[in-house]
Amino acid sequence: MRIIFASAFLLTSVSALAQNADTLYTQACGPKAASFQVDQVQGQPSTSPQPGKALVYVIQQISGPGIVTRIGLDGSWGGVIAGNSYIPLVVSPGEHHLCAATQNTKHPEAQLAHLNAQAGKVYYFLIRCRAADLGNSITMAFDPADRDEALYLIASDRQSVAKPKP
């Protein structure tokens, strides 16, 4: 009887975890079916946020074939990064949920991060991606970045600008 109870409890727990993973993805990312066209432009990055706001830079460094990564902010896609480039995001002070997810709409590789933004502050996040097997396998790390490294990468790279694909 204990084995049956333990098995039922385990199955219920696994189901709850799966629902929580989908909920967490939805809370931080955007719709899985969204797809974007991305261009890179020579940007002139701002060094200070707008009054009463915070500024978040998300920088991507890749190894391997071109990778397109969608950046979610509180359940909506805030931008998209192609190749070695960056995007700036303006956020209100407070708690935010960030997401970096590959553009594969069926099985995106996703990483989540949490940010408690303060007005007047600048935050930097770095995505490191490595593609293998002609882009079929991707490993990703999405973490806060060292300020000096981030500023160097922003000065070295172009800014990604995206628009939804029709």
Protein backbone atom coordinates (compact mmCIF):
# COMPACT_ATOMS: atom_id res chain seq x y z
CA MET A 1 0.00 0.00 0.00
CA ARG A 2 2.87 2.38 0.79
CA ILE A 3 4.33 1.83 -2.67
CA ILE A 4 1.03 2.72 -4.37
CA PHE A 5 0.66 5.85 -2.20
CA ALA A 6 4.27 6.88 -2.85
CA SER A 7 3.85 6.33 -6.61
CA ALA A 8 0.63 8.39 -6.69
CA PHE A 9 2.31 11.18 -4.68
CA LEU A 10 5.34 11.17 -7.02
CA LEU A 11 3.16 11.35 -10.15
CA THR A 12 1.17 14.22 -8.67
CA SER A 13 4.39 16.05 -7.76
CA VAL A 14 5.88 15.59 -11.25
CA SER A 15 2.65 16.90 -12.81
CA ALA A 16 2.71 19.94 -10.50
CA LEU A 17 6.36 20.61 -11.38
CA ALA A 18 5.58 20.50 -15.11
CA GLN A 19 2.73 22.96 -14.64
CA ASN A 20 5.01 25.20 -12.59
CA ALA A 21 7.70 25.12 -15.31
CA ASP A 22 5.13 26.23 -17.92
CA THR A 23 3.85 28.90 -15.54
CA LEU A 24 7.38 30.19 -14.88
CA TYR A 25 8.14 30.25 -18.63
CA THR A 26 4.95 32.20 -19.30
CA GLN A 27 5.65 34.60 -16.42
CA ALA A 28 9.11 35.51 -17.76
CA CYS A 29 9.11 34.80 -21.51
CA GLY A 30 6.54 35.41 -24.22
CA PRO A 31 4.42 33.25 -26.52
CA LYS A 32 6.39 30.22 -27.75
CA ALA A 33 4.97 30.59 -31.27
CA ALA A 34 6.38 34.12 -31.76
CA SER A 35 9.06 34.45 -34.43
CA PHE A 36 11.10 37.52 -35.36
CA GLN A 37 13.26 38.96 -38.13
CA VAL A 38 16.40 40.52 -36.65
CA ASP A 39 18.83 43.08 -38.05
CA GLN A 40 21.97 44.46 -36.48
CA VAL A 41 22.60 48.19 -36.46
CA GLN A 42 25.42 50.34 -35.22
CA GLY A 43 23.99 51.63 -31.95
CA GLN A 44 25.00 54.46 -29.72
CA PRO A 45 24.26 52.92 -26.33
CA SER A 46 22.98 55.10 -23.54
CA THR A 47 25.03 55.11 -20.38
CA SER A 48 22.25 56.32 -18.11
CA PRO A 49 18.59 55.37 -17.75
CA GLN A 50 15.61 57.64 -18.29
CA PRO A 51 14.47 59.48 -15.14
CA GLY A 52 12.56 57.16 -12.81
CA LYS A 53 13.55 54.05 -14.84
CA ALA A 54 16.28 51.41 -14.88
CA LEU A 55 18.22 50.27 -17.92
CA VAL A 56 18.98 46.60 -18.63
CA TYR A 57 21.48 45.53 -21.27
CA VAL A 58 21.30 41.95 -22.49
CA ILE A 59 24.41 40.92 -24.42
CA GLN A 60 24.86 37.73 -26.40
CA GLN A 61 28.16 36.03 -27.19
CA ILE A 62 27.96 32.89 -29.34
CA SER A 63 30.28 30.14 -30.45
CA GLY A 64 29.13 28.27 -33.55
CA PRO A 65 26.51 28.96 -36.21
CA GLY A 66 24.24 32.03 -35.90
CA ILE A 67 21.85 31.85 -32.98
CA VAL A 68 18.74 34.00 -32.54
CA THR A 69 17.63 34.47 -28.93
CA ARG A 70 14.36 36.05 -27.81
CA ILE A 71 14.50 38.12 -24.62
CA GLY A 72 11.43 38.03 -22.43
CA LEU A 73 10.49 40.54 -19.79
CA ASP A 74 7.56 39.84 -17.49
CA GLY A 75 5.74 37.58 -19.96
CA SER A 76 6.30 39.54 -23.19
CA TRP A 77 9.11 39.47 -25.69
CA GLY A 78 11.13 42.64 -25.04
CA GLY A 79 13.63 42.10 -27.84
CA VAL A 80 15.57 39.62 -29.92
CA ILE A 81 19.31 39.17 -30.27
CA ALA A 82 21.07 37.70 -33.31
CA GLY A 83 24.69 36.60 -33.19
CA ASN A 84 27.15 38.60 -31.11
CA SER A 85 25.12 41.69 -30.28
CA TYR A 86 23.06 43.33 -27.55
CA ILE A 87 19.73 44.98 -26.77
CA PRO A 88 18.82 47.65 -24.21
CA LEU A 89 15.59 47.36 -22.21
CA VAL A 90 14.04 50.20 -20.20
CA VAL A 91 12.25 48.93 -17.09
CA SER A 92 10.30 50.42 -14.24
CA PRO A 93 11.66 49.99 -10.72
CA GLY A 94 10.61 46.78 -9.00
CA GLU A 95 10.65 43.04 -9.46
CA HIS A 96 11.06 41.69 -12.99
CA HIS A 97 11.34 38.25 -14.55
CA LEU A 98 13.73 37.88 -17.48
CA CYS A 99 14.01 35.10 -20.02
CA ALA A 100 16.48 34.16 -22.74
CA ALA A 101 15.01 31.60 -25.15
CA THR A 102 16.21 30.42 -28.54
CA GLN A 103 13.86 31.19 -31.41
CA ASN A 104 13.05 27.49 -31.93
CA THR A 105 9.27 27.76 -31.45
CA LYS A 106 8.69 24.07 -30.67
CA HIS A 107 11.51 23.33 -28.24
CA PRO A 108 13.26 26.55 -27.23
CA GLU A 109 16.31 26.35 -25.00
CA ALA A 110 15.40 28.74 -22.18
CA GLN A 111 17.11 30.30 -19.18
CA LEU A 112 15.36 32.52 -16.60
CA ALA A 113 16.66 35.27 -14.33
CA HIS A 114 15.19 37.52 -11.66
CA LEU A 115 15.86 41.25 -11.28
CA ASN A 116 14.82 43.73 -8.61
CA ALA A 117 15.45 46.96 -10.53
CA GLN A 118 16.08 50.31 -8.87
CA ALA A 119 15.45 53.63 -10.60
CA GLY A 120 18.61 55.18 -12.00
CA LYS A 121 20.56 51.92 -12.09
CA VAL A 122 22.03 50.07 -15.08
CA TYR A 123 22.07 46.26 -15.14
CA TYR A 124 23.96 43.92 -17.46
CA PHE A 125 23.13 40.31 -18.37
CA LEU A 126 25.23 38.07 -20.57
CA ILE A 127 24.03 35.15 -22.68
CA ARG A 128 26.74 32.70 -23.67
CA CYS A 129 25.62 30.24 -26.35
CA ARG A 130 27.44 27.37 -27.95
CA ALA A 131 25.93 25.59 -30.93
CA ALA A 132 26.97 22.10 -31.97
CA ASP A 133 25.79 19.62 -34.59
CA LEU A 134 25.06 22.32 -37.17
CA GLY A 135 22.89 24.27 -34.74
CA ASN A 136 20.71 21.33 -33.67
CA SER A 137 22.14 21.32 -30.14
CA ILE A 138 22.59 24.51 -28.14
CA THR A 139 23.95 25.11 -24.67
CA MET A 140 23.15 28.41 -23.04
CA ALA A 141 24.09 30.32 -19.89
CA PHE A 142 22.20 33.51 -18.90
CA ASP A 143 23.70 35.39 -15.96
CA PRO A 144 24.41 38.86 -14.61
CA ALA A 145 27.56 40.22 -16.28
CA ASP A 146 30.58 42.04 -14.95
CA ARG A 147 30.13 45.75 -15.73
CA ASP A 148 33.55 46.17 -17.36
CA GLU A 149 33.14 43.10 -19.57
CA ALA A 150 29.62 44.20 -20.51
CA LEU A 151 30.73 47.72 -21.47
CA TYR A 152 33.54 46.28 -23.60
CA LEU A 153 31.17 43.91 -25.41
CA ILE A 154 28.58 46.65 -25.99
CA ALA A 155 31.28 48.92 -27.45
CA SER A 156 32.55 46.07 -29.65
CA ASP A 157 29.23 44.68 -30.91
CA ARG A 158 26.23 45.96 -32.84
CA GLN A 159 22.71 46.39 -31.46
CA SER A 160 20.01 43.94 -32.53
CA VAL A 161 16.68 45.36 -33.68
CA ALA A 162 13.76 43.00 -34.29
CA LYS A 163 10.32 42.98 -35.82
CA PRO A 164 7.74 40.14 -35.77
CA LYS A 165 7.69 37.84 -38.78
CA PRO A 166 4.36 37.94 -40.64
